[in-house]
Protein backbone atom coordinates (compact mmCIF):
# COMPACT_ATOMS: atom_id res chain seq x y z
CA MET A 1 -16.96 -14.94 11.63
CA LYS A 2 -15.55 -18.34 12.66
CA THR A 3 -15.57 -19.85 9.17
CA PRO A 4 -12.08 -19.81 7.63
CA PRO A 5 -11.47 -18.90 3.98
CA SER A 6 -11.29 -21.77 1.52
CA ILE A 7 -7.85 -22.83 0.31
CA ASP A 8 -8.37 -21.02 -3.02
CA GLU A 9 -9.68 -17.81 -1.46
CA PHE A 10 -7.74 -14.63 -0.74
CA GLU A 11 -8.57 -12.74 2.45
CA ILE A 12 -7.52 -9.40 3.83
CA SER A 13 -8.69 -8.52 7.33
CA ILE A 14 -7.93 -5.19 8.95
CA PHE A 15 -8.44 -4.54 12.67
CA GLY A 16 -8.70 -1.36 14.73
CA PRO A 17 -8.99 0.92 16.51
CA GLY A 18 -7.45 -0.88 19.43
CA ILE A 19 -3.97 -0.24 20.65
CA GLY A 20 -2.81 0.13 17.07
CA GLU A 21 -3.84 -1.56 13.84
CA SER A 22 -3.12 -4.91 12.25
CA VAL A 23 -3.60 -6.50 8.83
CA LEU A 24 -4.04 -10.22 8.14
CA LEU A 25 -3.62 -11.79 4.71
CA HIS A 26 -4.66 -15.28 3.63
CA VAL A 27 -2.65 -16.13 0.51
CA GLY A 28 -4.22 -19.55 -0.08
CA ASP A 29 -3.75 -23.07 1.27
CA ASN A 30 -4.26 -21.99 4.91
CA GLU A 31 -1.11 -19.86 4.74
CA TRP A 32 -1.13 -16.41 6.35
CA ILE A 33 0.85 -13.19 6.53
CA ILE A 34 0.54 -10.81 9.50
CA VAL A 35 1.40 -7.13 9.04
CA ASP A 36 1.89 -5.17 12.28
CA SER A 37 0.38 -5.92 15.66
CA CYS A 38 -2.68 -4.56 17.43
CA MET A 39 -3.74 -5.27 21.02
CA TYR A 40 -7.37 -5.94 21.84
CA ARG A 41 -8.12 -3.97 25.00
CA ILE A 42 -10.63 -6.47 26.43
CA THR A 43 -8.35 -9.51 26.31
CA GLN A 44 -4.98 -7.69 26.18
CA SER A 45 -4.01 -10.09 23.40
CA ALA A 46 -2.79 -9.60 19.83
CA ILE A 47 -5.97 -9.41 17.74
CA ALA A 48 -4.41 -11.21 14.75
CA LEU A 49 -3.64 -14.27 16.86
CA GLN A 50 -7.05 -14.17 18.51
CA TYR A 51 -8.82 -14.08 15.14
CA LEU A 52 -6.75 -16.93 13.70
CA LYS A 53 -7.33 -19.10 16.75
CA ASN A 54 -11.08 -18.47 16.45
CA LEU A 55 -10.77 -19.93 12.93
CA ASN A 56 -8.95 -22.98 14.41
CA VAL A 57 -5.76 -21.99 12.59
CA ASP A 58 -2.52 -23.36 14.03
CA VAL A 59 -0.57 -20.10 14.18
CA ALA A 60 2.71 -21.90 14.89
CA THR A 61 2.72 -23.44 11.41
CA ALA A 62 0.22 -21.49 9.27
CA VAL A 63 1.69 -17.98 9.64
CA LYS A 64 4.51 -17.82 7.12
CA LEU A 65 5.52 -14.16 7.35
CA PHE A 66 5.30 -11.49 10.04
CA ILE A 67 6.10 -7.93 8.98
CA VAL A 68 6.52 -4.95 11.30
CA THR A 69 6.32 -1.84 9.13
CA HIS A 70 7.85 0.55 11.69
CA TRP A 71 8.41 0.79 15.42
CA HIS A 72 5.71 3.29 16.45
CA ASP A 73 3.59 2.02 19.32
CA ASP A 74 0.36 1.86 17.32
CA HIS A 75 1.87 -0.71 14.95
CA ILE A 76 4.12 -2.80 17.16
CA ARG A 77 2.37 -3.32 20.51
CA GLY A 78 2.17 -7.09 21.10
CA ALA A 79 4.53 -7.93 18.22
CA SER A 80 6.83 -9.97 20.46
CA THR A 81 3.90 -12.22 21.39
CA VAL A 82 3.04 -12.71 17.72
CA LEU A 83 6.63 -13.64 16.88
CA LYS A 84 6.89 -16.02 19.82
CA GLU A 85 3.73 -17.95 18.90
CA CYS A 86 4.24 -17.94 15.12
CA LYS A 87 7.28 -20.20 15.28
CA ASN A 88 7.34 -20.96 11.56
CA ALA A 89 7.09 -17.34 10.40
CA ARG A 90 9.90 -15.34 8.87
CA PHE A 91 10.25 -11.97 10.57
CA VAL A 92 10.70 -8.81 8.49
CA CYS A 93 11.05 -5.17 9.55
CA SER A 94 12.08 -1.85 8.06
CA GLY A 95 15.61 -1.60 6.76
CA ALA A 96 15.75 1.82 8.41
CA LEU A 97 16.36 -0.05 11.67
CA CYS A 98 19.38 -2.04 10.47
CA SER A 99 21.95 -0.02 12.36
CA ARG A 100 24.19 -0.76 15.30
CA GLU A 101 22.76 2.30 17.05
CA PHE A 102 19.19 0.97 16.88
CA LEU A 103 20.22 -2.43 18.27
CA GLU A 104 22.04 -0.64 21.09
CA LEU A 105 18.95 1.45 21.76
CA CYS A 106 16.78 -1.69 21.91
CA PHE A 107 19.01 -3.44 24.41
CA LEU A 108 19.15 -0.31 26.55
CA GLY A 109 15.34 -0.24 26.44
CA GLY A 110 13.60 1.83 29.10
CA HIS A 111 16.95 2.82 30.59
CA ALA A 112 17.58 4.99 27.54
CA LEU A 113 14.33 6.75 26.76
CA MET A 114 11.12 8.04 28.21
CA GLU A 115 7.90 6.61 26.74
CA SER A 116 9.85 3.91 24.95
CA SER A 117 7.30 1.08 24.67
CA GLY A 118 8.11 0.68 20.96
CA ILE A 119 11.77 0.25 21.82
CA ASP A 120 10.89 -2.12 24.68
CA GLU A 121 8.82 -4.24 22.30
CA PHE A 122 11.75 -4.53 19.90
CA ASN A 123 13.95 -5.44 22.84
CA GLN A 124 11.68 -8.45 23.49
CA ILE A 125 11.66 -9.32 19.78
CA LEU A 126 15.45 -9.40 19.64
CA LYS A 127 15.58 -11.67 22.70
CA ILE A 128 13.14 -14.07 21.04
CA ILE A 129 15.22 -14.10 17.85
CA LEU A 130 18.37 -14.88 19.82
CA SER A 131 16.69 -17.70 21.74
CA GLN A 132 15.31 -19.23 18.52
CA ARG A 133 18.79 -19.21 16.99
CA GLU A 134 20.43 -20.77 20.05
CA GLY A 135 23.11 -23.24 18.97
CA ASN A 136 23.52 -21.66 15.54
CA ARG A 137 27.25 -21.08 15.02
CA LEU A 138 26.49 -18.04 12.88
CA LYS A 139 23.90 -16.70 15.30
CA SER A 140 23.06 -13.06 14.54
CA VAL A 141 20.82 -10.36 15.95
CA GLY A 142 18.13 -9.07 13.63
CA PRO A 143 15.19 -10.11 11.47
CA ASP A 144 15.23 -12.78 8.76
CA GLN A 145 15.05 -10.00 6.18
CA TRP A 146 15.21 -6.22 6.11
CA ALA A 147 12.50 -4.51 4.06
CA ILE A 148 13.81 -1.83 1.69
CA ALA A 149 12.47 -0.22 -1.48
CA GLY A 150 12.08 -2.68 -4.36
CA ARG A 151 12.82 -5.87 -2.41
CA LYS A 152 10.86 -9.11 -2.75
CA LEU A 153 10.12 -10.55 0.69
CA ASN A 154 10.76 -14.24 1.06
CA PHE A 155 8.38 -16.67 2.69
CA SER A 156 8.04 -20.42 2.28
CA LYS A 157 4.67 -20.88 0.59
CA GLN A 158 4.16 -24.64 0.50
CA GLY A 159 0.74 -24.86 -1.17
CA GLY A 160 0.14 -24.53 -4.89
CA THR A 161 -3.51 -23.48 -5.08
CA LEU A 162 -2.74 -19.76 -5.33
CA ASN A 163 0.40 -17.99 -6.52
CA ALA A 164 1.40 -15.16 -4.22
CA GLU A 165 4.30 -12.79 -3.75
CA ILE A 166 4.89 -9.66 -1.70
CA CYS A 167 7.48 -6.92 -1.95
CA SER A 168 8.39 -3.80 -0.01
CA LEU A 169 8.14 -0.44 -1.77
CA SER A 170 9.88 1.55 0.98
CA PRO A 171 11.90 2.87 2.79
CA SER A 172 14.02 4.64 0.21
CA ASP A 173 17.77 5.10 0.56
CA ALA A 174 17.26 8.73 1.58
CA ALA A 175 14.73 7.76 4.24
CA MET A 176 17.15 5.22 5.69
CA THR A 177 19.92 7.79 5.83
CA LEU A 178 17.66 10.17 7.77
CA ALA A 179 16.60 7.37 10.11
CA PHE A 180 20.18 6.35 10.91
CA ARG A 181 21.03 9.93 11.83
CA GLU A 182 17.93 10.37 14.02
CA ILE A 183 18.44 7.06 15.81
CA GLY A 184 22.06 7.93 16.52
CA GLN A 185 20.90 11.14 18.20
CA MET A 186 18.68 9.11 20.54
CA ILE A 187 21.54 7.19 22.16
CA PRO A 188 21.90 8.73 25.64
CA LYS A 189 25.20 10.27 26.59
CA GLU A 190 26.81 9.55 29.95
CA LYS A 191 25.40 11.60 32.85
CA THR A 192 22.52 12.95 30.77
CA VAL A 193 18.81 12.62 31.50
CA GLN A 194 16.48 10.35 29.59
CA ARG A 195 15.11 11.74 26.34
CA ARG A 196 11.80 11.17 24.64
CA ALA A 197 11.79 8.89 21.61
CA ILE A 198 11.88 10.70 18.30
CA SER A 199 8.65 9.99 16.44
CA GLN A 200 10.25 10.19 12.99
CA LYS A 201 7.51 12.36 11.53
CA PRO A 202 6.66 12.30 8.71
CA ASN A 203 6.72 8.50 8.60
CA HIS A 204 9.30 8.11 5.86
CA VAL A 205 10.70 4.85 7.23
CA SER A 206 7.38 2.95 7.14
CA VAL A 207 7.25 -0.12 4.93
CA ALA A 208 4.63 0.14 2.19
CA LEU A 209 3.88 -3.28 0.69
CA TRP A 210 2.71 -4.57 -2.69
CA LEU A 211 0.97 -7.95 -2.68
CA ILE A 212 0.12 -10.00 -5.78
CA VAL A 213 -2.20 -13.00 -5.47
CA GLU A 214 -2.90 -14.46 -8.91
CA ARG A 215 -4.43 -11.52 -10.85
CA LEU A 216 -5.16 -9.40 -7.77
CA ASN A 217 -2.90 -6.52 -6.73
CA VAL A 218 -3.08 -5.04 -3.22
CA LEU A 219 -1.31 -1.96 -1.84
CA LEU A 220 -0.75 -1.78 1.92
CA GLY A 221 0.18 1.83 2.63
CA SER A 222 1.36 1.42 6.25
CA ASP A 223 1.95 4.93 7.68
CA LEU A 224 4.03 6.17 4.76
CA GLU A 225 3.51 9.88 4.13
CA ASN A 226 3.93 12.28 1.24
CA HIS A 227 6.80 14.75 0.93
CA GLN A 228 7.96 17.43 -1.48
CA ASP A 229 11.39 15.77 -1.64
CA ASN A 230 11.38 13.29 -4.54
CA ASN A 231 13.67 10.97 -2.56
CA LEU A 232 11.23 10.42 0.31
CA GLY A 233 7.78 8.94 0.88
CA TRP A 234 5.33 8.30 -1.95
CA ARG A 235 7.23 10.43 -4.46
CA ALA A 236 10.26 8.17 -4.14
CA ILE A 237 8.07 5.16 -4.97
CA LEU A 238 6.42 6.88 -7.93
CA LEU A 239 9.80 7.78 -9.43
CA SER A 240 11.39 4.39 -8.76
CA GLN A 241 12.31 2.06 -11.62
CA ASN A 242 11.08 -0.82 -9.43
CA ARG A 243 7.55 0.54 -9.14
CA PRO A 244 4.84 -2.10 -9.79
CA GLU A 245 3.57 -2.09 -13.37
CA ASN A 246 -0.05 -2.97 -12.62
CA ARG A 247 -2.62 -1.17 -10.49
CA ALA A 248 -4.10 -2.25 -7.17
CA LEU A 249 -7.79 -3.05 -6.72
CA ILE A 250 -7.54 -3.00 -2.92
CA ILE A 251 -5.66 -0.37 -0.90
CA LYS A 252 -5.07 -0.17 2.81
CA VAL A 253 -5.10 3.62 3.05
CA PRO A 254 -1.85 4.96 4.53
CA HIS A 255 -1.66 6.67 7.91
CA HIS A 256 -5.38 6.59 8.79
CA GLY A 257 -6.24 8.62 5.69
CA SER A 258 -4.38 11.73 6.88
CA SER A 259 -3.75 14.64 4.53
CA THR A 260 0.00 14.24 5.10
CA SER A 261 -0.15 10.77 3.56
CA TYR A 262 -2.41 11.72 0.65
CA CYS A 263 -0.66 11.66 -2.71
CA LYS A 264 -2.95 12.23 -5.69
CA GLU A 265 -0.38 10.88 -8.14
CA MET A 266 -0.18 7.60 -6.19
CA TRP A 267 -3.95 7.16 -6.44
CA ASP A 268 -4.03 8.14 -10.13
CA GLU A 269 -1.07 6.02 -11.25
CA MET A 270 -0.93 3.00 -8.93
CA ILE A 271 -4.58 2.35 -7.97
CA GLU A 272 -7.45 1.16 -10.16
CA PRO A 273 -10.47 3.45 -10.63
CA ASP A 274 -13.08 3.05 -7.87
CA PRO A 275 -10.98 0.66 -5.74
CA ILE A 276 -11.79 -0.90 -2.37
CA ALA A 277 -10.22 1.39 0.24
CA LEU A 278 -9.72 0.16 3.82
CA LEU A 279 -8.58 2.27 6.76
CA THR A 280 -8.50 2.52 10.53
CA PRO A 281 -9.27 5.73 12.45
CA PHE A 282 -6.88 7.28 14.95
CA ALA A 283 -8.47 9.09 17.86
CA SER A 284 -5.54 10.05 20.07
CA GLY A 285 -4.62 13.71 20.37
CA VAL A 286 -6.60 16.79 19.45
CA ASN A 287 -6.88 16.03 15.71
CA PRO A 288 -8.51 12.63 15.16
CA LEU A 289 -8.07 10.94 11.78
CA PRO A 290 -9.47 10.82 9.21
CA SER A 291 -10.86 14.35 9.16
CA LYS A 292 -13.73 15.47 6.93
CA ARG A 293 -11.17 16.96 4.58
CA ASP A 294 -9.28 13.65 4.48
CA ILE A 295 -12.45 11.75 3.60
CA LYS A 296 -13.20 14.26 0.85
CA ASN A 297 -9.75 13.58 -0.65
CA LEU A 298 -10.40 9.84 -0.67
CA LYS A 299 -13.84 10.26 -2.23
CA ASN A 300 -12.22 11.85 -5.25
CA HIS A 301 -11.00 8.33 -6.08
CA THR A 302 -13.61 5.89 -4.75
CA GLU A 303 -17.00 5.52 -3.09
CA LYS A 304 -15.94 2.20 -1.56
CA ILE A 305 -14.27 3.52 1.59
CA PHE A 306 -14.53 1.20 4.57
CA CYS A 307 -13.40 2.23 8.05
CA THR A 308 -13.02 0.05 11.13
CA GLY A 309 -14.58 2.77 13.31
CA GLU A 310 -16.57 5.97 13.14
CA PRO A 311 -14.71 8.51 10.97
CA SER A 312 -15.39 11.45 13.27
CA GLY A 313 -12.82 10.08 15.68
CA TRP A 314 -13.39 6.94 17.71
CA GLN A 315 -13.50 7.32 21.47
CA PRO A 316 -14.12 4.69 24.16
CA PRO A 317 -17.34 5.01 26.21
CA ARG A 318 -17.34 7.95 28.63
CA ARG A 319 -17.38 7.32 32.36
CA ASP A 320 -19.71 9.09 34.73
CA ALA A 321 -18.30 12.57 35.44
CA ALA A 322 -17.98 11.92 39.17
CA VAL A 323 -16.12 8.65 38.56
CA GLU A 324 -13.82 10.34 36.05
CA ARG A 325 -13.02 13.14 38.52
CA THR A 326 -12.29 10.65 41.30
CA LEU A 327 -9.95 8.62 39.08
CA ARG A 328 -8.05 11.74 38.05
CA GLU A 329 -7.43 12.48 41.70
CA MET A 330 -6.39 8.92 42.57
CA VAL A 331 -4.08 7.89 39.72
CA ARG A 332 -1.78 9.52 37.18
CA ILE A 333 -2.29 6.94 34.41
CA ARG A 334 -5.83 5.74 33.75
CA ARG A 335 -6.93 2.75 31.70
CA LEU A 336 -9.44 3.31 28.95
CA ILE A 337 -12.82 1.64 29.21
CA HIS A 338 -12.87 -1.26 26.80
CA GLY A 339 -14.17 -0.39 23.35
CA ARG A 340 -15.06 -2.67 20.48
CA MET A 341 -12.41 -3.72 17.97
CA GLY A 342 -13.61 -2.93 14.46
CA HIS A 343 -12.93 -5.51 11.76
CA ILE A 344 -13.20 -5.30 7.97
CA ARG A 345 -12.92 -8.60 6.10
CA VAL A 346 -12.59 -8.93 2.33
CA ARG A 347 -12.59 -12.37 0.71
CA PHE A 348 -12.04 -12.92 -2.97
CA LYS A 349 -12.07 -16.02 -5.20
CA VAL A 350 -9.24 -14.60 -7.26
CA LYS A 351 -9.11 -17.46 -9.78
CA GLU A 352 -12.77 -17.24 -10.75
CA GLN A 353 -13.63 -15.11 -13.76
CA ASN A 354 -15.92 -12.14 -13.00
CA ALA A 355 -15.88 -12.94 -9.27
CA ASN A 356 -16.63 -10.05 -6.92
CA PRO A 357 -15.01 -9.55 -3.52
CA GLU A 358 -17.17 -10.37 -0.50
CA ILE A 359 -16.91 -7.55 2.07
CA ARG A 360 -18.06 -8.08 5.67
CA LEU A 361 -18.06 -5.47 8.46
CA PHE A 362 -17.91 -6.36 12.16
CA ASN A 363 -18.04 -4.52 15.48
CA GLY A 364 -18.72 -0.98 14.33
CA ALA A 365 -16.82 -1.04 11.05
CA CYS A 366 -18.69 0.98 8.45
CA LEU A 367 -18.94 2.21 4.87
CA LEU A 368 -18.23 5.93 4.73
CA VAL A 369 -21.12 7.71 3.02
């Protein structure tokens, strides 16, 4: 667990369920990409940073790119800490947030919305960006790059052992238009009460990513969902002229494997037969993900389905009934008992002919059978 990948070895690590999910990518030469942020309940720290520090990686210099796929709490919690410590990383987020209204919403923070931790996190991110650009005559508010459909994401890869590039497949123009309208509706009017944040469901504004490392193709599905409208979600990607030509061997399954994110055409046309599928469960609410039906959909395409937690819906350990009843009477908001953070790690010598990926499972991660 504490041995880092070699300089010529690709790694994808996926963490969850914690407070969210996070993906780590080693693209060779001790250079890393972080996608989304996930908080480890026990240490209340960003799991990506904790893992890298356990490998004795200097996060300030080794992390080259930090991507936030969308602003939902389960993908952004702790992102400001990641950005602050990864001083050499370029910051990228969804182009659906590149509006004056969203920036206004961020700076209003908790004064504007109820249950706005995602907004509050972006508020901290924007403050960090401003402080890092202090003294720059052309100082601006916003990420180093906005992710939109068909855009190559820039990062300064210094090493030459492995060739790597990453591009965003979404959001589409139509998804951005919808997002701008929804965000504008969230700005509070004078003398009105706070509103709840709009969840933007389905997750059309999420940033799906396509990574190429030498001959290996990887699809990171984020929380992007399927839609009957050809201009939104996976259908927009499938119909795009900028769609990747090759197929992916590894897929981070979108949106915890939910039926709303399942697109058979995406699996048939963009993914290799019998790929390595990685996903995190989601246990909040009355319908935990993935469901048995969701798993059945995935098994139509592969038997190599790895999950960071039990697929029936991960739950933290239960307290004694008397203790639980007492806590309900004493407090309105209760902390969850600490659960384990599942971890799937795939390492691959991508330059070696006939090499097979090495897959390791930690802390309750499992192969779905």
